[in-house]
Amino acid sequence: MADAAVVSSVLIEQFSDSVCGYINQLTQGHYVVTRIRYELETLIPQLERIEAEPGLSIETEELIATIRDVIRKAEDLTETHTKREIQRDAATFKAPIYELKILRISKQLHGVNEDISRYRNQLSEQLRRELLVPGLAAAAAEEQSIPSYLRRCMRYLILFPPGFLVRTRRLIALWVAEGLVGEEFVEQTAENYLNELIALRVLLPTSRKRNGKVKVCKIDAGRREAMLQEAEKSNFLKDRNGKILRLVDDHNEAAESNGDSFIHIHGNPTISSSVQDYRDVISFLSFNSQEGTKPGEDIGDFLRRCISAGCFIWLRVLDLERVFRPKLTEALGKLIAIKYLGLRLTYLEKLPDSVNKLFNLHVLDVKHTYISFLPRSIWRMQYLRHLYLSEAYRTRFPDPPSQVTLTALQTLWGAFVDEDTPVVGGLDKLLNIRKLALSCRSRASKEDEMSRQLEAIKEWISNLKLLESLRLKSRDEDNEAADLKLTSLEGNPKLSSVYLLGKVHSTILRNLPTSLTNITLSGSKLDLDPFEVLGKLPNLVILGLLVCGV
């Protein structure tokens, strides 16, 4: 009987694994479709260049023909998968039937994806053996030295000017907004890709955080030049036919000679006559950090004319970081596909009212601006994942509507809280926060009201089960450290980094999660030796104890 029980247990486990495998294939079908399409966008132009070379061996020609067959099968399957998903979403009683069809197609897609990867590696080895043309062989070897899933992220780096120091926070957010890292666990996947490109020395670290993570990096100059040439050949910056611009950026200096995707708006009279070239652009980045009002006026005029001409309707990324006070047109509200709106360090004073129409936003960055109020529509931006605010200028939340749908928010950084901030019924509805930074300000005349706010914040934080990073400050009207009301963080099992400025009760030190790796206390007014308690945290690496008022 015991042997029978063991056999039954094994069979059940195998069946469970099989079912889980099928479910995994079903749920990841759309993700595999995306990966295959990205692969084909680089593979097809590469095959065309190789086929143009004279003297190919019979083995190489046969391998290319096999790859062409796999490509046709992949294209048919991805198209069929998309159709079945549409049919399933529109169906009622027949939805389960379409689910089964999608499952079968998803299983085939996984196989095709593996075939593409295998044959691509075989082609690389074949090219190395034949040593076709030295330049082509070297280019092929260089291309194949980078894993296929990294190539689009790597090529995206050419949009940044030579020698430009880019913050990893910005790069990760842009990759996610562009859809370069899949659809699940996207921020973590993007960070993994970043670390891989650093390991391959495509990206060179120039500054690190206290926890050792790279904060700022730059693109290797030699790699960038090679990537630029490769991107031009593969039409990375344009559509597959090489005719329609897709990615455009504005540099301080004159446009680079080998690409009309790199433009110079400031003082360029030819821009006004060529706005139709930007009809299908999906990304626009400006690196024009010149002083004075003229660059901001030129950017605003360029955007206004492009939007008026029916351009930018597919725009996903609008990144104007460090452009001084760009004149944003009310027509911005027409760009409903925008996922990333980067206005950091622009010192902008007001958002256009039409921002309330951008309900597809994933990232809104207004850190280091003079924007004092967010639009009321912020509470209904159901796709917004990251919101960076200007702590120094006290950017405020408006009163929330009866229904708050800002539930996908993962990062809320730099929010200002006073006695009028809608914490209860507003901020405390945001339960998927992973990174939280609040700056609280109390006034003697409103002491009771602010005390209730801090109690509400304490309750809200205790419900943030996904919280990983917390930065909480409490000051009075004289800028002195005030009470934080926090007594425990044990309810945040994923918390790794904490910065607290303000008076805390000693009990909080005994109620910290063991996951903590980094903690800083400033103006805490503790009545016990913190080392006695904090020294017992098993994963603590960084400890900062600062005086009051710092």
Protein backbone atom coordinates (compact mmCIF):
# COMPACT_ATOMS: atom_id res chain seq x y z
CA MET A 1 0.00 0.00 0.00
CA ALA A 2 2.85 2.30 0.86
CA ASP A 3 4.45 1.69 -2.55
CA ALA A 4 1.12 2.41 -4.26
CA ALA A 5 0.81 5.66 -2.34
CA VAL A 6 4.31 6.69 -3.45
CA VAL A 7 3.54 5.88 -7.08
CA SER A 8 0.27 7.82 -6.88
CA SER A 9 2.09 10.77 -5.37
CA VAL A 10 4.67 10.74 -8.19
CA LEU A 11 1.96 10.49 -10.86
CA ILE A 12 0.01 13.36 -9.33
CA GLU A 13 3.16 15.47 -9.19
CA GLN A 14 3.98 14.69 -12.84
CA PHE A 15 0.42 15.50 -13.88
CA SER A 16 0.59 18.77 -11.92
CA ASP A 17 3.88 19.70 -13.60
CA SER A 18 2.38 18.91 -17.00
CA VAL A 19 -0.70 21.05 -16.32
CA CYS A 20 1.47 23.90 -15.02
CA GLY A 21 3.60 23.65 -18.15
CA TYR A 22 0.56 23.98 -20.39
CA ILE A 23 -0.83 26.87 -18.35
CA ASN A 24 2.54 28.58 -18.55
CA GLN A 25 2.56 28.21 -22.33
CA LEU A 26 -0.96 29.61 -22.53
CA THR A 27 -0.35 32.64 -20.31
CA GLN A 28 2.98 33.48 -21.94
CA GLY A 29 1.79 33.11 -25.53
CA HIS A 30 1.41 36.85 -26.05
CA TYR A 31 4.88 37.41 -24.56
CA VAL A 32 6.45 34.86 -26.97
CA VAL A 33 4.70 36.58 -29.89
CA THR A 34 6.38 39.83 -28.89
CA ARG A 35 9.79 38.15 -28.53
CA ILE A 36 9.47 36.48 -31.95
CA ARG A 37 8.55 39.78 -33.63
CA TYR A 38 11.58 41.46 -32.09
CA GLU A 39 13.79 38.59 -33.30
CA LEU A 40 12.46 38.83 -36.85
CA GLU A 41 13.05 42.59 -36.99
CA THR A 42 16.80 41.95 -36.68
CA LEU A 43 17.02 38.51 -38.30
CA ILE A 44 15.34 39.36 -41.62
CA PRO A 45 17.65 42.32 -42.49
CA GLN A 46 20.65 40.22 -41.44
CA LEU A 47 19.65 37.43 -43.83
CA GLU A 48 19.19 39.93 -46.65
CA ARG A 49 22.73 41.27 -46.16
CA ILE A 50 24.22 37.78 -46.06
CA GLU A 51 22.32 36.67 -49.18
CA ALA A 52 23.74 39.68 -51.05
CA GLU A 53 27.28 38.40 -50.51
CA PRO A 54 28.86 36.45 -53.43
CA GLY A 55 30.30 32.98 -53.06
CA LEU A 56 28.00 31.51 -50.44
CA SER A 57 28.47 27.79 -49.89
CA ILE A 58 25.66 25.29 -50.57
CA GLU A 59 25.48 24.55 -46.83
CA THR A 60 24.94 28.26 -46.02
CA GLU A 61 22.29 28.66 -48.73
CA GLU A 62 20.43 25.57 -47.46
CA LEU A 63 20.59 26.85 -43.88
CA ILE A 64 19.25 30.25 -44.96
CA ALA A 65 16.41 28.54 -46.84
CA THR A 66 15.54 26.56 -43.69
CA ILE A 67 15.53 29.76 -41.63
CA ARG A 68 13.25 31.40 -44.21
CA ASP A 69 10.78 28.50 -43.76
CA VAL A 70 10.87 28.96 -39.98
CA ILE A 71 10.27 32.70 -40.42
CA ARG A 72 7.19 32.06 -42.59
CA LYS A 73 5.86 29.63 -40.00
CA ALA A 74 6.53 32.12 -37.21
CA GLU A 75 4.73 34.91 -39.05
CA ASP A 76 1.70 32.68 -39.70
CA LEU A 77 1.54 31.53 -36.08
CA THR A 78 1.88 35.01 -34.58
CA GLU A 79 -0.86 36.32 -36.87
CA THR A 80 -3.14 33.39 -36.01
CA HIS A 81 -2.46 33.79 -32.28
CA THR A 82 -3.46 37.47 -32.45
CA LYS A 83 -6.66 36.62 -34.35
CA ARG A 84 -7.64 33.92 -31.85
CA GLU A 85 -7.12 36.32 -28.94
CA ILE A 86 -9.43 38.84 -30.61
CA GLN A 87 -12.03 36.12 -31.20
CA ARG A 88 -11.76 34.94 -27.60
CA ASP A 89 -12.21 38.45 -26.21
CA ALA A 90 -15.30 38.97 -28.39
CA ALA A 91 -16.79 35.57 -27.65
CA THR A 92 -19.16 34.63 -24.84
CA PHE A 93 -20.13 30.96 -24.75
CA LYS A 94 -17.36 29.88 -27.13
CA ALA A 95 -14.54 31.56 -25.19
CA PRO A 96 -13.25 28.22 -23.73
CA ILE A 97 -12.96 26.80 -27.26
CA TYR A 98 -10.74 29.70 -28.31
CA GLU A 99 -8.71 29.26 -25.11
CA LEU A 100 -7.88 25.71 -26.21
CA LYS A 101 -6.94 26.90 -29.69
CA ILE A 102 -4.70 29.59 -28.20
CA LEU A 103 -3.07 26.95 -25.99
CA ARG A 104 -2.19 24.79 -29.01
CA ILE A 105 -0.82 27.79 -30.92
CA SER A 106 1.15 28.96 -27.87
CA LYS A 107 2.83 25.57 -27.62
CA GLN A 108 3.84 25.80 -31.29
CA LEU A 109 5.10 29.36 -30.77
CA HIS A 110 7.44 28.19 -28.01
CA GLY A 111 8.85 25.59 -30.40
CA VAL A 112 9.31 28.12 -33.21
CA ASN A 113 11.00 30.54 -30.84
CA GLU A 114 13.50 27.81 -29.91
CA ASP A 115 14.03 26.98 -33.62
CA ILE A 116 14.82 30.61 -34.44
CA SER A 117 17.41 30.79 -31.68
CA ARG A 118 18.99 27.45 -32.66
CA TYR A 119 19.20 28.18 -36.39
CA ARG A 120 20.50 31.68 -35.75
CA ASN A 121 23.39 30.23 -33.74
CA GLN A 122 24.06 27.66 -36.48
CA LEU A 123 24.21 30.45 -39.06
CA SER A 124 26.68 32.36 -36.92
CA GLU A 125 28.96 29.33 -36.68
CA GLN A 126 28.64 28.74 -40.42
CA LEU A 127 29.71 32.31 -41.16
CA ARG A 128 32.69 32.02 -38.87
CA ARG A 129 33.83 28.80 -40.56
CA GLU A 130 33.51 30.20 -44.06
CA LEU A 131 35.05 33.59 -43.22
CA LEU A 132 33.03 35.21 -45.99
CA VAL A 133 34.19 38.81 -46.18
CA PRO A 134 36.36 39.89 -43.19
CA GLY A 135 34.13 42.88 -42.47
CA LEU A 136 30.93 40.85 -42.72
CA ALA A 137 32.31 38.00 -40.63
CA ALA A 138 33.45 40.43 -37.94
CA ALA A 139 30.09 42.18 -37.95
CA ALA A 140 28.26 38.88 -37.71
CA ALA A 141 30.49 37.70 -34.87
CA GLU A 142 29.99 40.99 -33.02
CA GLU A 143 26.22 40.82 -33.53
CA GLN A 144 26.07 37.24 -32.27
CA SER A 145 28.23 38.00 -29.23
CA ILE A 146 25.25 39.89 -27.79
CA PRO A 147 22.25 37.72 -26.81
CA SER A 148 19.30 38.38 -29.12
CA TYR A 149 17.02 39.59 -26.31
CA LEU A 150 19.56 42.33 -25.49
CA ARG A 151 20.07 43.71 -28.99
CA ARG A 152 17.11 46.09 -29.09
CA CYS A 153 17.95 47.49 -25.66
CA MET A 154 21.55 47.85 -26.77
CA ARG A 155 20.68 49.63 -30.01
CA TYR A 156 18.36 51.99 -28.16
CA LEU A 157 21.50 53.41 -26.52
CA ILE A 158 22.50 55.17 -29.75
CA LEU A 159 19.77 57.72 -29.11
CA PHE A 160 21.91 59.19 -26.35
CA PRO A 161 24.62 61.64 -27.47
CA PRO A 162 28.29 60.50 -27.46
CA GLY A 163 29.71 60.57 -23.94
CA PHE A 164 26.29 61.28 -22.41
CA LEU A 165 25.92 60.27 -18.74
CA VAL A 166 22.59 58.52 -18.40
CA ARG A 167 20.96 57.56 -15.13
CA THR A 168 19.97 53.92 -14.94
CA ARG A 169 16.57 54.95 -13.56
CA ARG A 170 15.85 56.81 -16.81
CA LEU A 171 17.15 54.08 -19.08
CA ILE A 172 15.12 51.33 -17.41
CA ALA A 173 11.92 53.42 -17.58
CA LEU A 174 12.48 54.16 -21.29
CA TRP A 175 13.10 50.51 -22.16
CA VAL A 176 9.89 49.53 -20.38
CA ALA A 177 7.86 52.27 -22.08
CA GLU A 178 9.22 51.21 -25.48
CA GLY A 179 8.16 47.61 -24.85
CA LEU A 180 11.69 46.24 -25.19
CA VAL A 181 11.63 43.92 -22.18
CA GLY A 182 8.48 41.83 -22.49
CA GLU A 183 5.30 42.23 -20.49
CA GLU A 184 5.86 40.53 -17.12
CA PHE A 185 8.09 41.72 -14.26
CA VAL A 186 9.24 44.39 -16.68
CA GLU A 187 11.19 46.64 -14.28
CA GLN A 188 13.15 43.71 -12.85
CA THR A 189 13.77 42.31 -16.33
CA ALA A 190 15.01 45.71 -17.53
CA GLU A 191 17.36 45.95 -14.56
CA ASN A 192 18.70 42.47 -15.36
CA TYR A 193 19.29 43.52 -18.98
CA LEU A 194 21.08 46.63 -17.77
CA ASN A 195 23.42 44.54 -15.60
CA GLU A 196 24.12 42.20 -18.52
CA LEU A 197 25.07 45.12 -20.78
CA ILE A 198 27.35 46.41 -18.03
CA ALA A 199 28.96 42.98 -17.74
CA LEU A 200 29.50 42.99 -21.53
CA ARG A 201 31.06 46.49 -21.20
CA VAL A 202 28.53 47.98 -23.59
CA LEU A 203 27.61 50.29 -20.71
CA LEU A 204 30.34 51.70 -18.46
CA PRO A 205 29.43 52.61 -14.85
CA THR A 206 30.48 56.10 -13.74
CA SER A 207 28.66 56.33 -10.38
CA ARG A 208 27.16 53.87 -7.90
CA LYS A 209 24.67 54.07 -5.06
CA ARG A 210 25.64 53.20 -1.50
CA ASN A 211 24.20 49.71 -1.99
CA GLY A 212 26.55 49.11 -4.91
CA LYS A 213 23.97 49.38 -7.69
CA VAL A 214 24.98 51.43 -10.72
CA LYS A 215 23.41 54.89 -10.62
CA VAL A 216 24.93 56.55 -13.70
CA CYS A 217 26.60 55.04 -16.75
CA LYS A 218 27.71 55.95 -20.25
CA ILE A 219 27.88 54.14 -23.56
CA ASP A 220 31.25 52.86 -24.70
CA ALA A 221 32.28 55.19 -27.57
CA GLY A 222 33.60 52.43 -29.83
CA ARG A 223 30.55 50.29 -29.30
CA ARG A 224 28.24 53.22 -29.97
CA GLU A 225 29.79 53.88 -33.38
CA ALA A 226 29.48 50.22 -34.34
CA MET A 227 25.88 50.11 -33.09
CA LEU A 228 25.07 53.24 -35.07
CA GLN A 229 26.25 51.64 -38.31
CA GLU A 230 24.44 48.40 -37.54
CA ALA A 231 21.24 50.27 -36.66
CA GLU A 232 21.36 52.10 -39.98
CA LYS A 233 21.71 48.81 -41.87
CA SER A 234 18.87 47.15 -39.98
CA ASN A 235 16.60 50.24 -40.11
CA PHE A 236 16.32 50.20 -36.32
CA LEU A 237 15.43 53.91 -36.29
CA LYS A 238 12.93 53.55 -39.13
CA ASP A 239 10.31 51.12 -40.35
CA ARG A 240 11.28 47.84 -42.01
CA ASN A 241 11.42 49.51 -45.45
CA GLY A 242 13.77 52.21 -44.19
CA LYS A 243 11.39 55.03 -45.19
CA ILE A 244 9.44 56.13 -42.11
CA LEU A 245 11.17 57.60 -39.05
CA ARG A 246 10.26 55.82 -35.82
CA LEU A 247 12.77 57.09 -33.24
CA VAL A 248 13.91 60.74 -33.19
CA ASP A 249 16.06 62.77 -30.85
CA ASP A 250 17.18 66.39 -30.62
CA HIS A 251 20.84 66.94 -29.79
CA ASN A 252 22.58 70.11 -28.68
CA GLU A 253 24.97 69.96 -31.59
CA ALA A 254 24.31 69.57 -35.30
CA ALA A 255 22.69 66.32 -36.40
CA GLU A 256 24.94 63.30 -36.86
CA SER A 257 25.89 62.83 -40.47
CA ASN A 258 24.74 59.22 -40.71
CA GLY A 259 21.15 59.48 -39.62
CA ASP A 260 18.19 61.86 -40.09
CA SER A 261 16.73 60.54 -36.84
CA PHE A 262 19.23 62.82 -35.09
CA ILE A 263 18.05 66.39 -35.54
CA HIS A 264 18.90 69.83 -34.20
CA ILE A 265 15.75 71.86 -33.63
CA HIS A 266 17.24 75.03 -32.14
CA GLY A 267 17.74 77.61 -34.90
CA ASN A 268 17.18 75.08 -37.69
CA PRO A 269 15.02 76.64 -40.45
CA THR A 270 14.61 73.34 -42.34
CA ILE A 271 12.61 71.74 -39.53
CA SER A 272 9.48 73.75 -40.32
CA SER A 273 9.27 72.36 -43.84
CA SER A 274 9.76 68.72 -42.88
CA VAL A 275 7.32 68.01 -40.05
CA GLN A 276 5.51 65.40 -42.17
CA ASP A 277 8.65 63.25 -41.79
CA TYR A 278 7.63 62.70 -38.17
CA ARG A 279 4.11 61.39 -38.78
CA ASP A 280 4.76 57.90 -37.41
CA VAL A 281 7.44 58.66 -34.83
CA ILE A 282 6.97 56.61 -31.63
CA SER A 283 9.74 58.18 -29.53
CA PHE A 284 11.03 61.73 -29.24
CA LEU A 285 13.88 62.59 -26.87
CA SER A 286 15.56 65.97 -26.51
CA PHE A 287 19.01 66.49 -25.02
CA ASN A 288 19.05 70.24 -25.56
CA SER A 289 20.13 71.56 -22.15
CA GLN A 290 21.21 75.00 -23.31
CA GLU A 291 20.43 77.94 -21.04
CA GLY A 292 17.82 80.58 -21.76
CA THR A 293 14.23 80.41 -22.95
CA LYS A 294 14.89 79.85 -26.67
CA PRO A 295 15.41 76.02 -26.60
CA GLY A 296 12.15 75.55 -24.67
CA GLU A 297 10.30 77.81 -27.12
CA ASP A 298 11.76 75.95 -30.11
CA ILE A 299 10.78 72.55 -28.68
CA GLY A 300 7.27 73.81 -27.94
CA ASP A 301 6.89 75.23 -31.44
CA PHE A 302 8.17 72.00 -32.98
CA LEU A 303 5.71 69.89 -30.98
CA ARG A 304 2.81 72.23 -31.77
CA ARG A 305 3.45 72.14 -35.53
CA CYS A 306 3.97 68.38 -35.60
CA ILE A 307 0.77 67.67 -33.67
CA SER A 308 -1.20 70.19 -35.77
CA ALA A 309 0.02 68.40 -38.90
CA GLY A 310 -1.29 65.08 -37.61
CA CYS A 311 2.12 63.76 -36.57
CA PHE A 312 3.15 62.00 -33.36
CA ILE A 313 -0.22 60.24 -33.04
CA TRP A 314 1.63 57.00 -32.20
CA LEU A 315 4.12 58.67 -29.86
CA ARG A 316 4.90 56.50 -26.82
CA VAL A 317 7.84 58.42 -25.36
CA LEU A 318 8.24 62.18 -24.92
CA ASP A 319 11.40 62.79 -22.91
CA LEU A 320 12.40 66.44 -22.42
CA GLU A 321 14.57 66.01 -19.33
CA ARG A 322 16.77 69.11 -18.71
CA VAL A 323 15.15 71.17 -21.48
CA PHE A 324 14.57 74.50 -19.73
CA ARG A 325 10.84 75.23 -19.44
CA PRO A 326 9.56 73.74 -22.71
CA LYS A 327 6.42 75.46 -23.96
CA LEU A 328 4.04 72.53 -23.90
CA THR A 329 1.02 72.99 -26.12
CA GLU A 330 -2.53 72.09 -25.07
CA ALA A 331 -2.53 69.86 -28.16
CA LEU A 332 -0.41 67.47 -26.08
CA GLY A 333 -3.70 65.89 -25.02
CA LYS A 334 -4.08 64.46 -28.53
CA LEU A 335 -1.09 62.16 -27.98
CA ILE A 336 -3.14 59.54 -26.20
CA ALA A 337 -0.61 56.74 -26.86
CA ILE A 338 2.07 58.35 -24.67
CA LYS A 339 3.41 56.03 -21.97
CA TYR A 340 6.42 58.05 -20.79
CA LEU A 341 6.34 61.80 -20.16
CA GLY A 342 9.72 62.94 -18.85
CA LEU A 343 9.88 66.53 -17.59
CA ARG A 344 12.52 66.18 -14.87
CA LEU A 345 14.81 69.17 -14.35
CA THR A 346 12.81 71.30 -16.79
CA TYR A 347 11.72 73.71 -14.03
CA LEU A 348 8.34 73.80 -15.73
CA GLU A 349 5.75 75.83 -13.81
CA LYS A 350 2.52 74.24 -15.05
CA LEU A 351 1.30 71.19 -16.86
CA PRO A 352 -1.09 71.74 -19.78
CA ASP A 353 -4.70 71.09 -18.77
CA SER A 354 -4.91 68.56 -21.59
CA VAL A 355 -2.63 66.19 -19.64
CA ASN A 356 -5.85 64.92 -18.09
CA LYS A 357 -6.48 63.07 -21.38
CA LEU A 358 -3.26 61.03 -21.23
CA PHE A 359 -4.80 58.00 -19.56
CA ASN A 360 -2.25 55.60 -21.09
CA LEU A 361 0.66 57.10 -19.14
CA HIS A 362 2.96 54.61 -17.42
CA VAL A 363 5.58 57.11 -16.22
CA LEU A 364 5.12 60.76 -15.27
CA ASP A 365 8.32 62.45 -14.08
CA VAL A 366 8.01 66.05 -12.88
CA LYS A 367 10.80 65.93 -10.31
CA HIS A 368 12.73 69.22 -10.03
CA THR A 369 9.97 71.32 -11.55
CA TYR A 370 7.88 74.16 -10.13
CA ILE A 371 4.61 72.31 -10.69
CA SER A 372 2.54 72.85 -7.55
CA PHE A 373 -0.62 70.84 -8.33
CA LEU A 374 -1.28 67.61 -10.18
CA PRO A 375 -4.39 67.35 -12.39
CA ARG A 376 -7.39 65.71 -10.72
CA SER A 377 -7.35 63.09 -13.46
CA ILE A 378 -4.19 61.65 -11.86
CA TRP A 379 -6.45 59.51 -9.65
CA ARG A 380 -7.97 57.84 -12.73
CA MET A 381 -4.73 56.98 -14.55
CA GLN A 382 -5.11 53.23 -14.19
CA TYR A 383 -1.90 52.35 -16.08
CA LEU A 384 0.42 54.78 -14.29
CA ARG A 385 3.24 52.81 -12.65
CA HIS A 386 5.81 55.46 -11.69
CA LEU A 387 5.16 59.00 -10.47
CA TYR A 388 8.09 61.26 -9.58
CA LEU A 389 7.19 64.58 -7.95
CA SER A 390 9.04 67.70 -6.86
CA GLU A 391 9.56 67.39 -3.11
CA ALA A 392 11.35 70.74 -2.82
CA TYR A 393 8.48 72.63 -4.49
CA ARG A 394 5.80 70.64 -2.64
CA THR A 395 3.82 69.20 -5.50
CA ARG A 396 0.34 68.44 -4.13
CA PHE A 397 -2.35 65.90 -4.85
CA PRO A 398 -5.86 67.23 -5.55
CA ASP A 399 -8.93 65.83 -3.82
CA PRO A 400 -9.76 62.39 -5.21
CA PRO A 401 -12.98 61.48 -7.03
CA SER A 402 -15.38 58.95 -5.55
CA GLN A 403 -13.58 56.14 -7.35
CA VAL A 404 -9.75 55.95 -7.38
CA THR A 405 -8.28 53.77 -10.17
CA LEU A 406 -4.62 54.71 -9.72
CA THR A 407 -4.10 51.17 -8.50
CA ALA A 408 -1.16 50.10 -10.71
CA LEU A 409 1.17 52.70 -9.16
CA GLN A 410 4.44 51.16 -7.97
CA THR A 411 6.59 54.25 -7.42
CA LEU A 412 5.42 57.39 -5.63
CA TRP A 413 8.48 59.51 -5.03
CA GLY A 414 8.65 63.05 -3.63
CA ALA A 415 5.00 63.53 -2.64
CA PHE A 416 4.28 66.41 -0.25
CA VAL A 417 1.90 65.84 2.65
CA ASP A 418 0.32 68.45 4.91
CA GLU A 419 -2.97 68.64 6.81
CA ASP A 420 -4.93 69.09 3.56
CA THR A 421 -3.43 66.17 1.60
CA PRO A 422 -6.01 63.46 0.82
CA VAL A 423 -4.41 60.52 2.62
CA VAL A 424 -7.59 58.79 3.80
CA GLY A 425 -9.68 57.84 0.77
CA GLY A 426 -6.91 58.89 -1.59
CA LEU A 427 -3.29 57.85 -1.05
CA ASP A 428 -4.25 54.95 1.21
CA LYS A 429 -6.04 53.37 -1.77
CA LEU A 430 -2.67 52.83 -3.48
CA LEU A 431 -1.66 49.39 -2.21
CA ASN A 432 0.80 48.21 -4.89
CA ILE A 433 3.49 50.74 -4.00
CA ARG A 434 7.05 49.39 -4.04
CA LYS A 435 8.97 52.64 -3.69
CA LEU A 436 7.57 55.42 -1.52
CA ALA A 437 9.02 58.83 -0.61
CA LEU A 438 6.89 61.28 1.38
CA SER A 439 7.79 64.67 2.82
CA CYS A 440 5.43 65.71 5.65
CA ARG A 441 5.17 69.27 6.93
CA SER A 442 3.32 70.24 10.10
CA ARG A 443 2.26 73.65 11.43
CA ALA A 444 1.69 74.55 15.06
CA SER A 445 -1.75 75.89 14.24
CA LYS A 446 -2.73 72.59 12.59
CA GLU A 447 -1.00 70.18 14.95
CA ASP A 448 -4.04 67.97 15.63
CA GLU A 449 -4.93 67.67 11.95
CA MET A 450 -1.35 66.73 11.04
CA SER A 451 -1.19 64.20 13.85
CA ARG A 452 -4.21 62.43 12.32
CA GLN A 453 -2.53 62.55 8.90
CA LEU A 454 0.61 60.86 10.26
CA GLU A 455 -1.50 58.18 11.94
CA ALA A 456 -3.23 57.57 8.60
CA ILE A 457 0.15 57.35 6.86
CA LYS A 458 1.34 54.82 9.46
CA GLU A 459 -1.75 52.70 8.80
CA TRP A 460 -1.30 53.00 5.03
CA ILE A 461 2.36 51.97 5.15
CA SER A 462 1.49 48.92 7.25
CA ASN A 463 -0.76 47.73 4.39
CA LEU A 464 1.94 48.04 1.70
CA LYS A 465 2.98 44.39 1.51
CA LEU A 466 5.08 44.93 -1.65
CA LEU A 467 7.02 47.92 -0.29
CA GLU A 468 10.76 47.67 -0.98
CA SER A 469 12.04 51.20 -0.41
CA LEU A 470 10.74 53.82 2.05
CA ARG A 471 11.87 57.43 2.46
CA LEU A 472 9.79 59.29 5.03
CA LYS A 473 10.46 62.80 6.34
CA SER A 474 8.59 64.82 8.94
CA ARG A 475 9.45 68.46 9.64
CA ASP A 476 7.75 71.34 11.42
CA GLU A 477 7.38 74.89 10.09
CA ASP A 478 10.86 75.73 11.45
CA ASN A 479 12.35 72.88 9.40
CA GLU A 480 13.12 70.89 12.55
CA ALA A 481 12.57 67.13 12.76
CA ALA A 482 9.02 66.35 13.88
CA ASP A 483 7.25 63.18 15.04
CA LEU A 484 6.85 60.38 12.47
CA LYS A 485 4.34 58.33 14.50
CA LEU A 486 5.88 55.11 13.15
CA THR A 487 6.07 52.25 15.62
CA SER A 488 6.59 49.21 13.38
CA LEU A 489 7.59 48.14 9.87
CA GLU A 490 7.19 44.41 10.44
CA GLY A 491 4.17 44.42 8.13
CA ASN A 492 6.45 45.13 5.14
CA PRO A 493 8.25 41.79 4.51
CA LYS A 494 9.95 42.92 1.28
CA LEU A 495 11.35 46.18 2.68
CA SER A 496 15.09 46.50 2.04
CA SER A 497 15.87 50.24 2.20
CA VAL A 498 14.62 52.76 4.79
CA TYR A 499 15.38 56.45 5.31
CA LEU A 500 13.57 58.14 8.21
CA LEU A 501 13.92 61.82 9.05
CA GLY A 502 12.00 62.65 12.20
CA LYS A 503 11.37 61.53 15.76
CA VAL A 504 10.59 57.84 16.12
CA HIS A 505 9.70 55.71 19.11
CA SER A 506 12.34 53.20 20.16
CA THR A 507 9.88 50.35 19.64
CA ILE A 508 10.28 50.69 15.89
CA LEU A 509 13.83 49.33 16.17
CA ARG A 510 12.42 46.09 17.57
CA ASN A 511 9.80 45.87 14.84
CA LEU A 512 11.86 45.96 11.66
CA PRO A 513 11.72 43.28 8.93
CA THR A 514 14.73 40.98 8.64
CA SER A 515 14.86 41.82 4.91
CA LEU A 516 16.41 45.26 5.64
CA THR A 517 19.80 45.87 4.03
CA ASN A 518 19.99 49.66 4.33
CA ILE A 519 18.64 51.98 7.05
CA THR A 520 19.30 55.64 7.80
CA LEU A 521 17.88 57.49 10.81
CA SER A 522 18.05 61.28 11.03
CA GLY A 523 16.86 63.41 13.96
CA SER A 524 15.31 60.31 15.54
CA LYS A 525 15.84 61.33 19.22
CA LEU A 526 16.16 57.68 20.27
CA ASP A 527 16.38 56.88 23.96
CA LEU A 528 18.40 53.69 23.51
CA ASP A 529 21.56 52.54 21.76
CA PRO A 530 20.43 51.58 18.24
CA PHE A 531 23.41 49.27 17.69
CA GLU A 532 22.10 46.82 20.28
CA VAL A 533 19.01 46.15 18.19
CA LEU A 534 20.07 46.95 14.62
CA GLY A 535 23.16 44.78 14.98
CA LYS A 536 20.87 41.75 15.11
CA LEU A 537 19.37 42.34 11.66
CA PRO A 538 20.85 39.49 9.56
CA ASN A 539 20.95 41.26 6.19
CA LEU A 540 21.85 44.81 7.23
CA VAL A 541 24.78 46.18 5.21
CA ILE A 542 24.47 49.96 5.46
CA LEU A 543 23.61 51.91 8.64
CA GLY A 544 23.40 55.70 8.79
CA LEU A 545 22.77 57.71 11.95
CA LEU A 546 22.48 61.46 11.35
CA VAL A 547 21.93 64.37 13.72
CA CYS A 548 18.64 66.26 13.99
CA GLY A 549 17.98 68.77 11.23
CA VAL A 550 20.19 67.14 8.60
